Protein backbone atom coordinates (compact mmCIF):
# COMPACT_ATOMS: atom_id res chain seq x y z
CA MET A 1 -10.67 34.95 50.17
CA LYS A 2 -11.67 33.05 53.29
CA HIS A 3 -13.17 29.57 52.98
CA ASP A 4 -15.43 28.03 55.62
CA LEU A 5 -14.55 24.54 56.83
CA LYS A 6 -15.93 22.70 59.83
CA ILE A 7 -13.51 20.05 61.05
CA LEU A 8 -13.41 17.53 63.88
CA VAL A 9 -10.12 16.63 65.55
CA ILE A 10 -10.11 13.29 67.40
CA ASP A 11 -6.84 13.29 69.37
CA ASP A 12 -6.10 12.72 73.07
CA SER A 13 -3.12 15.12 72.94
CA LYS A 14 -3.98 18.73 73.89
CA THR A 15 -0.69 19.81 72.33
CA SER A 16 -1.58 18.25 68.98
CA ARG A 17 -5.05 19.81 69.02
CA LYS A 18 -3.61 23.26 69.89
CA LEU A 19 -0.99 22.90 67.14
CA LEU A 20 -3.67 22.08 64.58
CA ARG A 21 -5.71 25.09 65.63
CA THR A 22 -2.64 27.37 65.35
CA TYR A 23 -1.64 26.02 61.95
CA ALA A 24 -5.26 26.32 60.69
CA CYS A 25 -5.25 30.03 61.56
CA ALA A 26 -2.15 30.43 59.40
CA THR A 27 -4.00 29.21 56.29
CA ASP A 28 -6.51 31.17 54.22
CA PHE A 29 -9.29 28.85 55.40
CA LYS A 30 -11.77 30.05 57.98
CA VAL A 31 -11.91 26.94 60.15
CA GLU A 32 -14.44 26.01 62.80
CA MET A 33 -12.87 23.21 64.84
CA ALA A 34 -14.50 20.76 67.25
CA GLU A 35 -12.38 18.51 69.47
CA ALA A 36 -12.69 15.02 70.99
CA ASP A 37 -10.06 13.41 73.22
CA ASP A 38 -11.19 9.81 72.63
CA GLY A 39 -12.76 7.68 69.87
CA ARG A 40 -16.22 7.23 71.35
CA THR A 41 -16.65 10.97 71.94
CA GLY A 42 -15.56 11.59 68.36
CA LEU A 43 -18.09 9.11 67.00
CA ARG A 44 -20.84 10.71 69.09
CA LEU A 45 -19.99 14.18 67.75
CA LEU A 46 -20.02 12.83 64.19
CA ALA A 47 -23.48 11.36 64.77
CA GLU A 48 -24.79 14.66 66.15
CA ASP A 49 -23.42 17.12 63.59
CA HIS A 50 -21.99 17.47 60.07
CA TYR A 51 -18.27 18.06 59.49
CA ASP A 52 -16.31 18.73 56.32
CA CYS A 53 -13.42 16.50 57.39
CA VAL A 54 -11.98 14.58 60.33
CA PHE A 55 -8.41 14.58 61.63
CA LEU A 56 -7.97 11.24 63.39
CA ASP A 57 -5.12 10.23 65.69
CA TYR A 58 -4.19 6.55 65.68
CA ILE A 59 -3.30 6.15 69.38
CA LEU A 60 -6.40 6.87 71.50
CA PRO A 61 -7.27 5.88 75.10
CA ASP A 62 -10.31 3.73 74.23
CA LEU A 63 -10.57 2.79 70.56
CA ASP A 64 -7.61 3.02 68.22
CA GLY A 65 -7.80 5.06 65.04
CA LEU A 66 -8.43 2.01 62.86
CA GLN A 67 -11.45 0.99 64.95
CA VAL A 68 -12.85 4.54 64.82
CA LEU A 69 -12.29 4.71 61.06
CA ARG A 70 -14.12 1.43 60.51
CA GLN A 71 -17.05 2.63 62.64
CA ILE A 72 -17.21 5.81 60.55
CA LYS A 73 -17.36 3.79 57.32
CA LEU A 74 -19.78 1.19 58.71
CA GLY A 75 -22.06 4.03 59.82
CA GLY A 76 -22.27 5.25 56.23
CA MET A 77 -20.67 8.64 57.06
CA ASP A 78 -19.39 9.95 53.73
CA ILE A 79 -16.74 12.30 55.13
CA PRO A 80 -13.01 12.73 54.35
CA VAL A 81 -10.81 11.25 57.10
CA ILE A 82 -7.17 12.35 57.49
CA VAL A 83 -5.06 10.15 59.74
CA LEU A 84 -2.61 12.30 61.72
CA THR A 85 -0.34 10.23 63.96
CA GLY A 86 3.06 9.91 65.50
CA GLN A 87 3.13 6.23 64.48
CA GLY A 88 4.64 6.96 61.09
CA SER A 89 5.06 3.45 59.70
CA GLU A 90 4.29 2.45 56.11
CA PRO A 91 2.34 -0.76 57.01
CA LEU A 92 0.11 1.29 59.31
CA ALA A 93 -0.47 3.87 56.59
CA VAL A 94 -1.41 1.12 54.11
CA GLU A 95 -3.81 -0.47 56.61
CA MET A 96 -5.54 2.86 57.33
CA MET A 97 -5.85 3.73 53.64
CA LYS A 98 -7.34 0.28 52.92
CA ALA A 99 -9.89 0.89 55.68
CA GLY A 100 -11.06 4.07 53.94
CA ALA A 101 -8.77 6.92 55.07
CA ASP A 102 -8.37 9.69 52.50
CA ASP A 103 -4.95 10.92 53.65
CA TYR A 104 -2.18 9.98 56.07
CA VAL A 105 0.27 12.49 57.63
CA PRO A 106 2.87 11.73 60.33
CA LYS A 107 2.78 14.41 63.02
CA CYS A 108 6.49 15.02 62.57
CA ASP A 109 5.79 16.15 59.00
CA LEU A 110 2.93 18.48 59.91
CA THR A 111 3.50 22.13 58.89
CA PRO A 112 1.07 24.95 57.98
CA ASP A 113 1.68 24.17 54.31
CA VAL A 114 0.97 20.48 54.80
CA LEU A 115 -2.18 21.30 56.77
CA TYR A 116 -3.28 23.71 54.04
CA ARG A 117 -2.83 20.95 51.46
CA CYS A 118 -4.85 18.54 53.61
CA LEU A 119 -7.65 21.08 54.09
CA ARG A 120 -7.72 21.98 50.40
CA ASN A 121 -7.83 18.31 49.37
CA ALA A 122 -10.54 17.61 51.95
CA GLN A 123 -12.59 20.53 50.65
CA GLN A 124 -12.28 19.37 47.05
CA LEU A 125 -13.03 15.80 48.02
CA ALA A 126 -16.09 16.93 49.97
CA GLU A 127 -17.32 18.88 46.93
CA VAL A 128 -16.77 15.86 44.68
CA ARG A 129 -18.65 13.62 47.10
CA LYS A 130 -21.43 16.18 47.39
CA ASP A 131 -21.76 16.29 43.59
CA PHE A 132 -21.71 12.49 43.52
CA ARG A 133 -24.41 12.27 46.20
CA GLU A 134 -26.57 14.76 44.30
CA ALA A 135 -26.02 12.89 41.02
CA ASN A 136 -26.77 9.60 42.76
CA ALA A 137 -29.89 11.07 44.36
CA ASN A 138 -31.02 12.36 40.96
CA MET A 139 -30.33 8.94 39.46
CA VAL A 140 -32.38 7.27 42.21
CA ILE A 141 -35.20 9.74 41.58
CA ALA A 142 -35.00 9.04 37.84
CA GLN A 143 -34.98 5.28 38.47
CA ASN A 144 -37.97 5.60 40.80
CA GLU A 145 -39.81 7.71 38.24
CA ALA A 146 -38.97 5.18 35.51
CA ALA A 147 -40.11 2.30 37.74
CA GLN A 148 -43.29 4.19 38.56
CA ALA A 149 -43.87 4.84 34.87
CA HIS A 150 -43.32 1.13 34.11
CA ARG A 151 -45.74 0.18 36.89
CA ALA A 152 -48.30 2.68 35.61
CA GLN A 153 -47.88 1.33 32.08
CA SER A 154 -48.16 -2.25 33.28
CA GLU A 155 -51.23 -1.42 35.35
CA PHE A 156 -52.73 0.42 32.37
CA PHE A 157 -52.21 -2.51 30.02
CA THR A 158 -53.49 -4.93 32.64
CA ARG A 159 -56.60 -2.86 33.24
CA MET A 160 -57.17 -2.30 29.51
CA SER A 161 -56.73 -6.03 28.93
CA HIS A 162 -59.43 -6.75 31.48
CA GLU A 163 -61.77 -4.06 30.18
CA ILE A 164 -61.36 -5.19 26.54
CA ARG A 165 -61.52 -8.91 27.25
CA THR A 166 -64.76 -8.58 29.21
CA PRO A 167 -66.90 -7.34 26.27
CA LEU A 168 -64.86 -9.45 23.88
CA ASN A 169 -65.91 -12.50 25.88
CA VAL A 170 -69.53 -11.56 25.15
CA ILE A 171 -68.81 -10.97 21.45
CA LEU A 172 -67.02 -14.29 20.94
CA GLY A 173 -69.50 -16.18 23.09
CA THR A 174 -72.50 -14.72 21.29
CA THR A 175 -70.86 -15.45 17.94
CA ASP A 176 -70.31 -19.04 19.04
CA LEU A 177 -74.00 -19.32 19.99
CA LEU A 178 -75.09 -17.78 16.68
CA LYS A 179 -73.12 -20.37 14.72
CA GLN A 180 -75.16 -23.10 16.37
CA THR A 181 -78.48 -21.63 15.20
CA GLN A 182 -80.22 -22.02 11.83
CA LEU A 183 -78.53 -19.45 9.60
CA THR A 184 -78.69 -18.67 5.93
CA HIS A 185 -75.47 -19.02 3.96
CA GLU A 186 -75.03 -15.23 3.97
CA GLN A 187 -75.67 -14.98 7.72
CA HIS A 188 -73.19 -17.76 8.43
CA GLY A 189 -70.56 -15.87 6.44
CA LEU A 190 -71.21 -12.70 8.43
CA VAL A 191 -70.92 -14.56 11.73
CA GLU A 192 -67.60 -16.12 10.64
CA THR A 193 -66.34 -12.65 9.67
CA CYS A 194 -67.23 -11.40 13.13
CA GLU A 195 -65.47 -14.39 14.70
CA ARG A 196 -62.29 -13.81 12.67
CA ALA A 197 -62.23 -10.12 13.57
CA SER A 198 -62.66 -10.93 17.26
CA SER A 199 -59.87 -13.49 17.13
CA MET A 200 -57.57 -10.93 15.46
CA LEU A 201 -58.42 -8.46 18.21
CA MET A 202 -57.49 -11.08 20.81
CA VAL A 203 -54.11 -11.62 19.11
CA LEU A 204 -53.54 -7.86 19.18
CA ILE A 205 -54.35 -7.67 22.89
CA ASN A 206 -51.97 -10.54 23.68
CA ASP A 207 -49.18 -8.94 21.62
CA ILE A 208 -49.55 -5.59 23.38
CA LEU A 209 -49.53 -7.28 26.80
CA ASP A 210 -46.38 -9.21 25.94
CA LEU A 211 -44.73 -6.02 24.61
CA SER A 212 -45.61 -4.29 27.88
CA LYS A 213 -43.92 -7.09 29.83
CA VAL A 214 -40.83 -6.92 27.62
CA GLN A 215 -40.46 -3.14 28.01
CA SER A 216 -40.98 -3.22 31.76
CA GLY A 217 -38.61 -6.15 32.27
CA GLU A 218 -41.40 -8.27 33.75
CA LEU A 219 -41.34 -11.00 31.13
CA GLU A 220 -40.21 -14.07 33.04
CA LEU A 221 -39.94 -17.66 31.86
CA LYS A 222 -40.87 -20.68 33.93
CA SER A 223 -38.64 -23.71 34.26
CA VAL A 224 -40.77 -26.85 34.38
CA ALA A 225 -40.33 -30.36 32.99
CA PHE A 226 -42.55 -30.97 29.96
CA ASN A 227 -42.89 -33.34 27.01
CA LEU A 228 -41.17 -31.60 24.09
CA ARG A 229 -42.55 -34.01 21.48
CA ASN A 230 -46.15 -33.59 22.64
CA SER A 231 -45.84 -29.82 22.86
CA PHE A 232 -44.37 -29.59 19.35
CA ILE A 233 -46.84 -31.99 17.71
CA ASN A 234 -49.89 -30.45 19.40
CA THR A 235 -48.85 -26.98 18.24
CA CYS A 236 -48.27 -28.22 14.68
CA LYS A 237 -51.68 -29.94 14.61
CA MET A 238 -53.30 -26.67 15.65
CA MET A 239 -51.47 -24.70 12.93
CA ALA A 240 -52.21 -27.38 10.33
CA VAL A 241 -55.90 -26.42 10.54
CA GLN A 242 -55.02 -22.85 9.50
CA ALA A 243 -52.86 -24.08 6.63
CA LYS A 244 -55.59 -26.41 5.40
CA GLY A 245 -58.02 -23.51 5.41
CA LYS A 246 -55.78 -21.73 2.89
CA GLY A 247 -55.24 -24.84 0.79
CA LEU A 248 -51.55 -25.14 1.75
CA VAL A 249 -49.57 -28.32 2.21
CA PHE A 250 -48.48 -28.53 5.84
CA GLN A 251 -45.72 -30.84 7.10
CA HIS A 252 -44.03 -31.23 10.45
CA GLU A 253 -41.16 -33.40 11.64
CA PHE A 254 -39.79 -34.11 15.11
CA GLY A 255 -36.22 -35.42 15.06
CA PRO A 256 -35.93 -38.92 16.56
CA GLU A 257 -32.67 -37.98 18.32
CA LEU A 258 -34.32 -35.23 20.37
CA PRO A 259 -35.12 -35.83 24.06
CA GLU A 260 -38.76 -36.45 24.92
CA MET A 261 -38.65 -34.58 28.23
CA VAL A 262 -36.98 -31.22 28.72
CA VAL A 263 -37.07 -28.42 31.28
CA GLY A 264 -38.27 -24.99 30.16
CA ASP A 265 -41.34 -22.93 29.37
CA SER A 266 -43.69 -24.94 27.16
CA ASP A 267 -46.19 -22.06 26.84
CA ARG A 268 -43.57 -19.64 25.53
CA LEU A 269 -42.21 -22.29 23.15
CA THR A 270 -45.72 -22.71 21.80
CA GLN A 271 -45.97 -18.93 21.41
CA ILE A 272 -42.71 -18.86 19.42
CA LEU A 273 -43.83 -21.67 17.10
CA VAL A 274 -47.31 -20.17 16.66
CA ASN A 275 -45.82 -16.76 15.78
CA LEU A 276 -43.38 -18.15 13.22
CA THR A 277 -45.72 -20.73 11.73
CA GLY A 278 -48.65 -18.30 11.73
CA ASN A 279 -46.56 -15.80 9.78
CA ALA A 280 -45.48 -18.50 7.33
CA ILE A 281 -49.11 -19.45 6.68
CA LYS A 282 -50.25 -15.82 6.51
CA PHE A 283 -47.62 -14.79 3.94
CA THR A 284 -47.91 -17.91 1.76
CA ARG A 285 -50.60 -17.77 -0.92
CA GLN A 286 -49.86 -21.19 -2.39
CA GLY A 287 -47.43 -24.01 -1.87
CA SER A 288 -46.35 -25.39 1.50
CA VAL A 289 -45.27 -24.72 5.06
CA ARG A 290 -42.91 -27.09 6.83
CA VAL A 291 -41.94 -27.10 10.54
CA ILE A 292 -38.94 -29.14 11.75
CA ALA A 293 -37.54 -29.76 15.23
CA GLU A 294 -34.00 -31.16 15.29
CA VAL A 295 -30.80 -31.23 17.29
CA ASP A 296 -28.92 -27.95 16.90
CA PRO A 297 -25.94 -28.87 14.68
CA ASP A 298 -23.99 -25.77 15.77
CA ARG A 299 -24.29 -26.41 19.50
CA PRO A 300 -23.71 -29.98 20.70
CA ALA A 301 -24.84 -29.20 24.26
CA PRO A 302 -27.58 -31.50 25.66
CA GLY A 303 -30.99 -29.85 25.34
CA ALA A 304 -29.96 -27.61 22.41
CA VAL A 305 -32.79 -27.71 19.85
CA ARG A 306 -33.21 -26.00 16.48
CA PHE A 307 -36.65 -25.27 15.04
CA ARG A 308 -36.98 -24.50 11.32
CA VAL A 309 -40.08 -22.99 9.75
CA GLU A 310 -39.93 -23.08 5.95
CA ASP A 311 -42.49 -21.60 3.57
CA THR A 312 -42.97 -20.84 -0.14
CA GLY A 313 -44.42 -17.41 0.56
CA ILE A 314 -43.79 -13.86 -0.61
CA GLY A 315 -40.30 -13.65 0.91
CA ILE A 316 -38.48 -10.75 2.56
CA PRO A 317 -36.09 -8.30 0.84
CA ALA A 318 -32.48 -8.62 2.03
CA ASP A 319 -32.36 -5.02 3.31
CA LYS A 320 -35.48 -5.57 5.44
CA GLN A 321 -34.50 -8.81 7.16
CA GLU A 322 -33.15 -7.05 10.27
CA ILE A 323 -35.94 -4.56 10.98
CA ILE A 324 -38.65 -7.23 11.05
CA PHE A 325 -37.41 -8.20 14.53
CA THR A 326 -38.02 -4.71 15.93
CA SER A 327 -41.34 -3.58 17.41
CA PHE A 328 -44.08 -2.30 15.09
CA ASN A 329 -42.02 -2.97 11.95
CA GLN A 330 -42.85 -5.07 8.93
CA ALA A 331 -40.73 -5.54 5.82
CA ASP A 332 -43.14 -3.47 3.73
CA ARG A 333 -45.72 -1.00 5.03
CA SER A 334 -48.16 -2.23 2.40
CA VAL A 335 -47.95 -5.70 3.94
CA SER A 336 -49.93 -4.61 7.00
CA HIS A 337 -52.74 -3.40 4.74
CA GLU A 338 -52.95 -6.67 2.80
CA TYR A 339 -52.10 -9.21 5.49
CA GLY A 340 -52.76 -7.37 8.75
CA GLY A 341 -50.73 -7.71 11.93
CA THR A 342 -49.13 -5.40 14.48
CA GLY A 343 -45.47 -5.95 13.67
CA LEU A 344 -44.95 -7.14 17.26
CA GLY A 345 -44.87 -10.93 16.85
CA LEU A 346 -41.27 -11.28 15.66
CA ALA A 347 -39.95 -8.72 18.16
CA ILE A 348 -41.56 -10.67 21.00
CA THR A 349 -40.33 -13.95 19.50
CA LYS A 350 -36.75 -12.64 19.40
CA THR A 351 -36.96 -11.61 23.06
CA LEU A 352 -38.36 -14.99 24.11
CA VAL A 353 -35.71 -16.89 22.16
CA GLU A 354 -32.89 -14.85 23.69
CA LYS A 355 -34.32 -15.51 27.16
CA MET A 356 -34.11 -19.20 26.26
CA HIS A 357 -30.36 -18.75 25.60
CA GLY A 358 -30.80 -18.96 21.85
CA HIS A 359 -31.08 -16.84 18.72
CA VAL A 360 -33.30 -16.44 15.67
CA ARG A 361 -32.28 -15.77 12.09
CA VAL A 362 -33.94 -15.69 8.70
CA GLU A 363 -32.99 -16.68 5.17
CA SER A 364 -35.32 -15.36 2.51
CA GLU A 365 -35.65 -14.41 -1.13
CA VAL A 366 -38.46 -12.31 -2.52
CA GLY A 367 -41.00 -14.47 -4.33
CA LYS A 368 -39.38 -17.76 -3.27
CA GLY A 369 -40.16 -18.02 0.42
CA SER A 370 -38.46 -17.80 3.80
CA ILE A 371 -36.73 -20.04 6.34
CA PHE A 372 -36.82 -18.95 9.97
CA GLN A 373 -34.42 -20.78 12.28
CA VAL A 374 -34.71 -20.65 16.05
CA THR A 375 -32.26 -22.30 18.42
CA VAL A 376 -33.04 -22.64 22.12
CA LEU A 377 -31.37 -24.37 25.04
CA PHE A 378 -33.59 -26.47 27.30
CA GLY A 379 -32.59 -28.11 30.53
CA LEU A 380 -32.88 -31.85 31.01
CA PRO A 381 -34.78 -33.33 33.98
CA GLU A 382 -32.70 -35.19 36.53
CA LYS A 383 -35.04 -38.14 36.31
CA ALA A 384 -37.97 -39.17 34.14
CA ALA A 385 -40.84 -36.76 34.66
CA SER A 386 -44.47 -37.26 33.99
CA PRO A 387 -45.97 -35.39 31.02
CA LEU A 388 -48.39 -33.98 33.56
CA ALA A 389 -45.53 -31.73 34.72
CA GLU A 390 -46.23 -29.30 31.90
CA ASP A 391 -48.45 -27.00 33.95
CA SER A 392 -46.63 -24.00 35.40
CA VAL A 393 -48.94 -23.68 38.39
CA PRO A 394 -49.48 -26.56 40.79
CA GLU A 395 -53.24 -26.94 40.91
CA PRO A 396 -54.98 -28.14 44.07
CA MET A 397 -55.78 -31.84 44.27
CA ARG A 398 -59.45 -32.65 43.92
CA PRO A 399 -61.45 -35.89 43.94
CA PRO A 400 -62.93 -37.19 40.69
CA PRO A 401 -66.35 -35.62 39.95
CA VAL A 402 -69.54 -37.55 40.50
CA SER A 403 -72.10 -37.29 37.70
CA LYS A 404 -75.30 -35.56 38.77
CA PRO A 405 -78.58 -35.44 36.87
CA HIS A 406 -78.99 -31.75 37.63
CA ALA A 407 -75.89 -29.96 38.88
CA ARG A 408 -76.51 -26.73 40.76
CA ILE A 409 -74.20 -23.91 39.71
CA LEU A 410 -73.69 -20.58 41.46
CA VAL A 411 -72.44 -17.90 39.05
CA ALA A 412 -70.92 -14.81 40.67
CA GLU A 413 -70.77 -12.21 37.90
CA ASP A 414 -71.53 -8.48 38.09
CA THR A 415 -71.77 -7.80 34.33
CA PHE A 416 -75.25 -8.24 32.85
CA ASP A 417 -73.97 -9.26 29.38
CA ASN A 418 -71.68 -11.93 30.82
CA ARG A 419 -74.50 -13.29 33.01
CA LEU A 420 -76.72 -13.48 29.93
CA LEU A 421 -73.96 -15.20 27.95
CA ILE A 422 -73.29 -17.85 30.63
CA LYS A 423 -77.02 -18.42 30.96
CA SER A 424 -77.23 -18.99 27.20
CA PHE A 425 -74.20 -21.31 27.25
CA LEU A 426 -75.85 -23.47 29.91
CA LYS A 427 -79.38 -23.25 28.56
CA ARG A 428 -79.48 -26.80 27.18
CA ALA A 429 -77.25 -28.38 29.84
CA PRO A 430 -78.80 -30.36 32.73
CA VAL A 431 -77.90 -27.71 35.30
CA GLU A 432 -79.68 -25.26 37.56
CA VAL A 433 -78.07 -21.84 37.55
CA GLU A 434 -78.31 -19.18 40.25
CA PHE A 435 -76.63 -15.79 39.92
CA ALA A 436 -74.87 -13.61 42.48
CA PHE A 437 -74.02 -10.04 41.60
CA ASN A 438 -70.88 -9.51 43.70
CA GLY A 439 -68.62 -11.41 46.07
CA ARG A 440 -70.64 -10.59 49.18
CA ASP A 441 -73.82 -11.81 47.50
CA ALA A 442 -72.00 -15.00 46.44
CA CYS A 443 -70.99 -15.75 50.05
CA THR A 444 -74.56 -15.22 51.24
CA ARG A 445 -76.05 -17.47 48.55
CA PHE A 446 -73.41 -20.13 49.25
CA LEU A 447 -74.56 -20.26 52.88
CA GLU A 448 -78.25 -20.34 51.98
CA GLY A 449 -78.20 -23.06 49.32
CA HIS A 450 -76.37 -26.22 48.27
CA PHE A 451 -74.33 -25.88 45.08
CA ASP A 452 -72.10 -28.30 43.22
CA VAL A 453 -69.75 -25.72 41.70
CA ILE A 454 -69.18 -21.95 41.72
CA LEU A 455 -68.17 -19.87 38.70
CA MET A 456 -66.48 -16.86 40.31
CA ASP A 457 -65.68 -13.67 38.42
CA MET A 458 -62.61 -12.18 40.09
CA GLU A 459 -63.35 -8.49 39.39
CA MET A 460 -66.56 -7.45 41.17
CA PRO A 461 -67.72 -4.49 43.28
CA GLU A 462 -68.17 -4.50 47.09
CA MET A 463 -66.22 -7.77 47.46
CA ASN A 464 -64.09 -9.15 44.64
CA GLY A 465 -63.72 -12.81 43.70
CA PHE A 466 -60.43 -13.26 45.55
CA GLU A 467 -61.96 -12.12 48.84
CA ALA A 468 -65.13 -14.14 48.21
CA ALA A 469 -63.21 -17.35 47.44
CA ALA A 470 -61.09 -16.93 50.57
CA ARG A 471 -64.23 -16.23 52.68
CA ILE A 472 -65.99 -19.36 51.35
CA ARG A 473 -62.93 -21.48 52.19
CA GLU A 474 -62.94 -20.02 55.71
CA MET A 475 -66.61 -20.93 56.12
CA GLU A 476 -65.98 -24.48 54.90
CA ARG A 477 -63.08 -24.97 57.30
CA ALA A 478 -65.18 -23.54 60.15
CA ALA A 479 -67.86 -26.12 59.28
CA GLY A 480 -65.30 -28.90 59.73
CA LYS A 481 -64.89 -29.78 56.05
CA SER A 482 -61.63 -31.17 54.70
CA ALA A 483 -60.01 -29.91 51.49
CA ASN A 484 -61.44 -32.86 49.54
CA GLU A 485 -64.94 -31.76 50.55
CA PHE A 486 -64.55 -28.14 49.43
CA ILE A 487 -66.89 -26.93 46.69
CA PRO A 488 -65.09 -26.45 43.36
CA ILE A 489 -64.60 -22.74 42.62
CA ILE A 490 -63.71 -21.94 39.01
CA ALA A 491 -62.14 -18.49 38.65
CA LEU A 492 -63.35 -16.41 35.71
CA THR A 493 -60.93 -13.62 34.83
CA ALA A 494 -60.03 -11.44 31.89
CA HIS A 495 -56.43 -11.13 33.06
CA SER A 496 -53.94 -13.27 31.17
CA PHE A 497 -50.87 -13.14 33.42
CA VAL A 498 -49.56 -16.28 35.10
CA GLU A 499 -49.35 -14.24 38.31
CA GLU A 500 -53.11 -13.79 38.15
CA LYS A 501 -53.59 -17.54 37.89
CA ASN A 502 -51.36 -18.05 40.92
CA ARG A 503 -53.31 -15.42 42.82
CA CYS A 504 -56.58 -17.22 42.09
CA PHE A 505 -55.26 -20.51 43.46
CA GLU A 506 -53.80 -18.76 46.50
CA ALA A 507 -57.25 -17.31 47.24
CA GLY A 508 -58.70 -20.84 47.29
CA CYS A 509 -60.00 -21.34 43.74
CA SER A 510 -59.94 -24.89 42.38
CA ASP A 511 -59.58 -24.04 38.71
CA PHE A 512 -59.13 -21.19 36.27
CA LEU A 513 -60.96 -20.10 33.10
CA MET A 514 -59.74 -17.08 31.18
CA LYS A 515 -62.07 -14.78 29.27
CA PRO A 516 -62.97 -14.88 26.50
CA PHE A 517 -64.06 -18.51 26.50
CA LYS A 518 -66.40 -20.50 24.28
CA ARG A 519 -69.36 -22.66 25.27
CA GLY A 520 -67.46 -25.88 24.70
CA THR A 521 -64.59 -24.71 26.87
CA LEU A 522 -66.96 -23.85 29.71
CA LEU A 523 -68.78 -27.18 29.47
CA ASP A 524 -65.48 -29.10 29.41
CA LYS A 525 -64.40 -27.28 32.55
CA LEU A 526 -67.69 -28.05 34.30
CA ARG A 527 -67.42 -31.72 33.32
CA GLU A 528 -64.10 -31.89 35.18
CA HIS A 529 -65.88 -30.91 38.39
CA VAL A 530 -69.50 -32.06 38.26
CA GLY A 531 -69.35 -35.10 35.99
CA SER A 532 -70.74 -35.75 32.51
CA LEU A 533 -72.75 -33.15 30.62
CA PRO A 534 -74.32 -33.71 27.20
CA GLU A 535 -72.59 -32.36 24.12
CA SER A 536 -75.67 -30.47 22.91
């Protein structure tokens, strides 16, 4: 059976080329042979056509065989190369094989049988490389499809987060306003129920977003100097309110030997402590919850910290203590009915802890409580850092606000319910509010009137908030204003990613307010930019 092979012979000797052609006819391969009498011609032919293998002489009139071989490999030509030369020395053979040659045959040893072996090996090698290229191409396609699926999933969760947070902002804001009105005892209870349900929904949204980041590999930690003591104590004070609401004893302790300042992600540390402490409070009907930060006794490295969360709650069966760290799993299915939760918190906690070069483990006995231990490794700042270094995003410098009797606020918001909510939030504040319905409208109103601050929704039709903020900054610069004279622009967004916050500042925004937000949060933010506002 005849086999088709297309070969290129790069050899300046007509005798050698003729001999190869004669020997090829003596094999059972049907060979189509092209010839080049120098290296550059050979390289040109290789660039113009496809060959199954190359026979390469070492001594050539322009480039030597080693130079030609290296050009072939540098050009990414995945083709078997057989060095065929009269320079039959072992060091030369080693050098050519290191450079990527697939075979080496001295011309004095060339016979029809040797040529047949070379052609057969070249054919097999070409088939193997072809299979490898196809497998690699399929792998690249699969990787691209997986990456596209991850991007689609991430975009879906991002979009769903925005779409859910937008009405949720109205629900929580309206609930906050209702609590400030004259309500009967029954009505007040109903409003608090609505508020709790909304808060639970917000936790669910945050968990799903974090899970999406974990699965897509997009969960990144920042590395910023922050005050470990302040971060720990502030988190514990926040969780103490929940414990008090259930009538539990809450204690926290920060080891005196721990460093005040560390380098890491303070937000993710807070998330870990909130998840663990929140679970301890949730699953403890009576008794106490205790949170301790101490030097890790098992790892003496500087910056190694162990956090212990102890409770007297319902406990976890021994055979369930591993699965609680996997997504959507709780120790007992009935637990989710009685206590709620998605089963995502501990899985996300485990991922965060491992990214902090640590681990998490649990000791528990049913009916007697649980102890969760988390160890993490923080960096230490090279020199004393200010506690103000906790923020992950460097915010633009701005001059201190000047109190105004009636601040003028431009609100760029396309959603009717959110406009109504902001209007209600600011109803009793000494401010004048004007609304724009998209980014283009906001730019027009900014030119037509004098405002002290702009609340800019970032997702709007016609022109979004990013474009509008950038356009306003362009107009201010064109008017000769310096950065200190720019109008404060507070971004309003339902996206929770740090990247979104960075994007807002890059567009020219001065500050950032994430939906859903409460009236007090909005007023506090406005006070930072326009001066004092009454508490009413």
